[in-house]
Amino acid sequence: LTSEAVAGDELFLHYSGHGGQVKDTDGDEATGMDDTLIPCDFQQAGQITDDELHTRIVEPLPKGVRMWVILDCCHSGTALDLPYKLQ
């Protein structure tokens, strides 16, 4: 999704499904839990953690690229590990 993005692009990602939590293994979560997406093959491939989503989707975004993400699942409020909080 992000590999060919350039400044001025707008990207859209939508996920509707199950979300969950697993024990945080790297100590970056105040709650001690990582939020996850639970794909249909999770029993073989595992859950997708917020750390992995941040590394694969957020970090590689080039400057000037806007991404819209809608996560329709439980525990999705911090699923991208963004540094922003809505007050």
N, C-alpha and C. Protein backbone atom coordinates (compact mmCIF):
# COMPACT_ATOMS: atom_id res chain seq x y z
N LEU A 1 0.82 -1.20 0.00
CA LEU A 1 0.00 0.00 0.00
C LEU A 1 0.87 1.26 0.00
N THR A 2 1.95 1.24 0.73
CA THR A 2 2.76 2.45 0.86
C THR A 2 4.01 2.45 -0.01
N SER A 3 4.36 1.33 -0.62
CA SER A 3 5.66 1.21 -1.29
C SER A 3 5.85 2.17 -2.46
N GLU A 4 4.80 2.53 -3.17
CA GLU A 4 4.94 3.43 -4.32
C GLU A 4 4.31 4.80 -4.08
N ALA A 5 3.96 5.08 -2.85
CA ALA A 5 3.32 6.36 -2.54
C ALA A 5 4.32 7.51 -2.66
N VAL A 6 3.82 8.64 -3.17
CA VAL A 6 4.64 9.85 -3.29
C VAL A 6 3.86 11.04 -2.74
N ALA A 7 4.58 12.10 -2.42
CA ALA A 7 3.94 13.31 -1.87
C ALA A 7 2.74 13.71 -2.72
N GLY A 8 1.64 14.02 -2.05
CA GLY A 8 0.41 14.40 -2.73
C GLY A 8 -0.59 13.25 -2.86
N ASP A 9 -0.12 12.02 -2.67
CA ASP A 9 -1.03 10.86 -2.74
C ASP A 9 -1.91 10.81 -1.50
N GLU A 10 -3.10 10.25 -1.67
CA GLU A 10 -3.99 9.96 -0.55
C GLU A 10 -4.30 8.47 -0.61
N LEU A 11 -4.09 7.78 0.50
CA LEU A 11 -4.31 6.34 0.59
C LEU A 11 -5.47 6.07 1.53
N PHE A 12 -6.13 4.94 1.31
CA PHE A 12 -7.28 4.56 2.14
C PHE A 12 -7.15 3.09 2.52
N LEU A 13 -7.29 2.81 3.82
CA LEU A 13 -7.27 1.44 4.32
C LEU A 13 -8.49 1.25 5.20
N HIS A 14 -9.25 0.18 4.93
CA HIS A 14 -10.43 -0.13 5.72
C HIS A 14 -10.34 -1.58 6.19
N TYR A 15 -10.62 -1.81 7.47
CA TYR A 15 -10.68 -3.16 8.03
C TYR A 15 -11.92 -3.28 8.88
N SER A 16 -12.75 -4.25 8.57
CA SER A 16 -13.89 -4.61 9.42
C SER A 16 -13.70 -6.07 9.81
N GLY A 17 -13.61 -6.32 11.09
CA GLY A 17 -13.40 -7.69 11.54
C GLY A 17 -13.16 -7.71 13.03
N HIS A 18 -12.46 -8.74 13.45
CA HIS A 18 -12.21 -8.90 14.88
C HIS A 18 -10.92 -8.18 15.28
N GLY A 19 -10.95 -7.61 16.48
CA GLY A 19 -9.77 -7.02 17.08
C GLY A 19 -9.57 -7.63 18.46
N GLY A 20 -8.37 -7.57 18.95
CA GLY A 20 -8.10 -8.16 20.25
C GLY A 20 -6.91 -7.51 20.92
N GLN A 21 -6.38 -8.18 21.91
CA GLN A 21 -5.21 -7.71 22.62
C GLN A 21 -4.33 -8.90 22.98
N VAL A 22 -3.02 -8.66 22.97
CA VAL A 22 -2.05 -9.65 23.43
C VAL A 22 -1.08 -8.94 24.36
N LYS A 23 -0.37 -9.70 25.16
CA LYS A 23 0.61 -9.13 26.10
C LYS A 23 1.68 -8.38 25.32
N ASP A 24 1.95 -7.16 25.76
CA ASP A 24 3.00 -6.32 25.16
C ASP A 24 4.36 -6.91 25.50
N THR A 25 5.16 -7.18 24.48
CA THR A 25 6.46 -7.82 24.72
C THR A 25 7.63 -6.84 24.68
N ASP A 26 7.40 -5.60 24.22
CA ASP A 26 8.52 -4.66 24.13
C ASP A 26 8.41 -3.47 25.08
N GLY A 27 7.37 -3.45 25.90
CA GLY A 27 7.25 -2.43 26.94
C GLY A 27 6.83 -1.05 26.47
N ASP A 28 6.26 -0.94 25.26
CA ASP A 28 5.88 0.39 24.76
C ASP A 28 4.43 0.76 25.06
N GLU A 29 3.69 -0.11 25.70
CA GLU A 29 2.26 0.14 25.98
C GLU A 29 2.04 0.39 27.47
N ALA A 30 1.40 1.50 27.80
CA ALA A 30 1.11 1.83 29.19
C ALA A 30 0.19 0.78 29.83
N THR A 31 -0.66 0.17 29.02
CA THR A 31 -1.60 -0.83 29.52
C THR A 31 -0.98 -2.21 29.67
N GLY A 32 0.20 -2.40 29.08
CA GLY A 32 0.82 -3.72 29.08
C GLY A 32 0.27 -4.65 28.03
N MET A 33 -0.59 -4.11 27.15
CA MET A 33 -1.22 -4.91 26.11
C MET A 33 -1.04 -4.24 24.74
N ASP A 34 -0.74 -5.04 23.72
CA ASP A 34 -0.75 -4.57 22.34
C ASP A 34 -2.13 -4.83 21.77
N ASP A 35 -2.67 -3.85 21.04
CA ASP A 35 -3.93 -4.05 20.33
C ASP A 35 -3.63 -4.82 19.05
N THR A 36 -4.59 -5.64 18.62
CA THR A 36 -4.36 -6.48 17.45
C THR A 36 -5.54 -6.49 16.50
N LEU A 37 -5.25 -6.83 15.25
CA LEU A 37 -6.27 -7.23 14.29
C LEU A 37 -6.19 -8.75 14.23
N ILE A 38 -7.34 -9.38 14.11
CA ILE A 38 -7.38 -10.84 14.09
C ILE A 38 -7.87 -11.29 12.72
N PRO A 39 -6.94 -11.61 11.82
CA PRO A 39 -7.32 -12.02 10.47
C PRO A 39 -7.89 -13.45 10.47
N CYS A 40 -8.51 -13.82 9.36
CA CYS A 40 -9.16 -15.13 9.29
C CYS A 40 -8.16 -16.28 9.42
N ASP A 41 -6.90 -16.06 9.11
CA ASP A 41 -5.89 -17.12 9.22
C ASP A 41 -5.04 -16.98 10.49
N PHE A 42 -5.57 -16.32 11.52
CA PHE A 42 -4.77 -16.03 12.71
C PHE A 42 -4.26 -17.29 13.41
N GLN A 43 -4.97 -18.41 13.28
CA GLN A 43 -4.51 -19.63 13.96
C GLN A 43 -3.20 -20.14 13.35
N GLN A 44 -2.96 -19.84 12.07
CA GLN A 44 -1.71 -20.23 11.43
C GLN A 44 -0.71 -19.07 11.43
N ALA A 45 -1.18 -17.86 11.17
CA ALA A 45 -0.28 -16.72 10.95
C ALA A 45 -0.17 -15.79 12.16
N GLY A 46 -1.05 -15.93 13.13
CA GLY A 46 -1.02 -15.07 14.30
C GLY A 46 -1.82 -13.79 14.12
N GLN A 47 -1.94 -13.05 15.20
CA GLN A 47 -2.63 -11.76 15.17
C GLN A 47 -1.65 -10.69 14.69
N ILE A 48 -2.18 -9.61 14.18
CA ILE A 48 -1.36 -8.50 13.68
C ILE A 48 -1.36 -7.42 14.75
N THR A 49 -0.21 -7.17 15.36
CA THR A 49 -0.14 -6.22 16.47
C THR A 49 -0.07 -4.78 15.98
N ASP A 50 -0.39 -3.87 16.91
CA ASP A 50 -0.29 -2.44 16.60
C ASP A 50 1.16 -2.06 16.28
N ASP A 51 2.12 -2.73 16.90
CA ASP A 51 3.53 -2.46 16.58
C ASP A 51 3.84 -2.80 15.12
N GLU A 52 3.33 -3.94 14.66
CA GLU A 52 3.57 -4.35 13.27
C GLU A 52 2.85 -3.41 12.30
N LEU A 53 1.62 -3.03 12.63
CA LEU A 53 0.89 -2.09 11.76
C LEU A 53 1.65 -0.77 11.65
N HIS A 54 2.16 -0.27 12.77
CA HIS A 54 2.90 0.99 12.75
C HIS A 54 4.16 0.85 11.89
N THR A 55 4.88 -0.24 12.06
CA THR A 55 6.12 -0.46 11.32
C THR A 55 5.87 -0.62 9.82
N ARG A 56 4.81 -1.31 9.45
CA ARG A 56 4.56 -1.61 8.03
C ARG A 56 3.73 -0.56 7.30
N ILE A 57 2.92 0.20 8.04
CA ILE A 57 2.01 1.14 7.37
C ILE A 57 2.35 2.59 7.66
N VAL A 58 2.62 2.93 8.91
CA VAL A 58 2.84 4.34 9.29
C VAL A 58 4.27 4.79 8.99
N GLU A 59 5.25 4.06 9.48
CA GLU A 59 6.65 4.48 9.33
C GLU A 59 7.08 4.68 7.88
N PRO A 60 6.66 3.82 6.93
CA PRO A 60 7.15 4.00 5.56
C PRO A 60 6.45 5.10 4.76
N LEU A 61 5.45 5.77 5.35
CA LEU A 61 4.75 6.81 4.60
C LEU A 61 5.70 7.97 4.29
N PRO A 62 5.85 8.30 3.01
CA PRO A 62 6.69 9.45 2.67
C PRO A 62 6.04 10.76 3.12
N LYS A 63 6.84 11.75 3.38
CA LYS A 63 6.33 13.07 3.74
C LYS A 63 5.40 13.56 2.63
N GLY A 64 4.28 14.13 3.04
CA GLY A 64 3.33 14.67 2.07
C GLY A 64 2.27 13.68 1.61
N VAL A 65 2.31 12.45 2.11
CA VAL A 65 1.29 11.46 1.79
C VAL A 65 0.27 11.44 2.93
N ARG A 66 -0.98 11.45 2.57
CA ARG A 66 -2.06 11.40 3.56
C ARG A 66 -2.71 10.02 3.49
N MET A 67 -2.88 9.40 4.66
CA MET A 67 -3.53 8.10 4.70
C MET A 67 -4.74 8.16 5.61
N TRP A 68 -5.85 7.67 5.09
CA TRP A 68 -7.09 7.55 5.86
C TRP A 68 -7.22 6.09 6.25
N VAL A 69 -7.44 5.82 7.53
CA VAL A 69 -7.56 4.45 8.03
C VAL A 69 -8.83 4.34 8.85
N ILE A 70 -9.67 3.39 8.49
CA ILE A 70 -10.89 3.10 9.26
C ILE A 70 -10.78 1.66 9.74
N LEU A 71 -10.75 1.49 11.06
CA LEU A 71 -10.68 0.17 11.66
C LEU A 71 -11.97 -0.07 12.42
N ASP A 72 -12.79 -0.95 11.91
CA ASP A 72 -14.09 -1.28 12.49
C ASP A 72 -13.94 -2.59 13.27
N CYS A 73 -13.36 -2.48 14.47
CA CYS A 73 -13.12 -3.67 15.27
C CYS A 73 -12.88 -3.25 16.73
N CYS A 74 -12.92 -4.20 17.61
CA CYS A 74 -12.60 -3.93 19.01
C CYS A 74 -11.13 -3.54 19.15
N HIS A 75 -10.83 -2.71 20.12
CA HIS A 75 -9.46 -2.31 20.47
C HIS A 75 -8.75 -1.59 19.33
N SER A 76 -9.49 -0.84 18.53
CA SER A 76 -8.88 -0.19 17.37
C SER A 76 -8.42 1.24 17.65
N GLY A 77 -8.73 1.78 18.81
CA GLY A 77 -8.42 3.18 19.10
C GLY A 77 -6.94 3.52 19.03
N THR A 78 -6.09 2.59 19.37
CA THR A 78 -4.64 2.84 19.30
C THR A 78 -3.95 1.80 18.42
N ALA A 79 -4.67 1.24 17.48
CA ALA A 79 -4.14 0.13 16.68
C ALA A 79 -2.99 0.52 15.76
N LEU A 80 -2.78 1.79 15.51
CA LEU A 80 -1.64 2.20 14.68
C LEU A 80 -0.51 2.80 15.51
N ASP A 81 -0.68 2.83 16.82
CA ASP A 81 0.32 3.40 17.72
C ASP A 81 0.72 4.82 17.32
N LEU A 82 -0.26 5.65 17.00
CA LEU A 82 0.00 7.03 16.65
C LEU A 82 0.23 7.85 17.92
N PRO A 83 1.02 8.92 17.82
CA PRO A 83 1.31 9.72 19.00
C PRO A 83 0.23 10.75 19.34
N TYR A 84 -0.93 10.68 18.69
CA TYR A 84 -1.98 11.68 18.88
C TYR A 84 -3.07 11.15 19.77
N LYS A 85 -3.68 12.04 20.53
CA LYS A 85 -4.83 11.67 21.36
C LYS A 85 -5.91 12.72 21.16
N LEU A 86 -7.13 12.27 20.90
CA LEU A 86 -8.28 13.15 20.76
C LEU A 86 -8.83 13.44 22.15
N GLN A 87 -8.99 14.71 22.49
CA GLN A 87 -9.46 15.09 23.81
C GLN A 87 -10.90 15.53 23.74
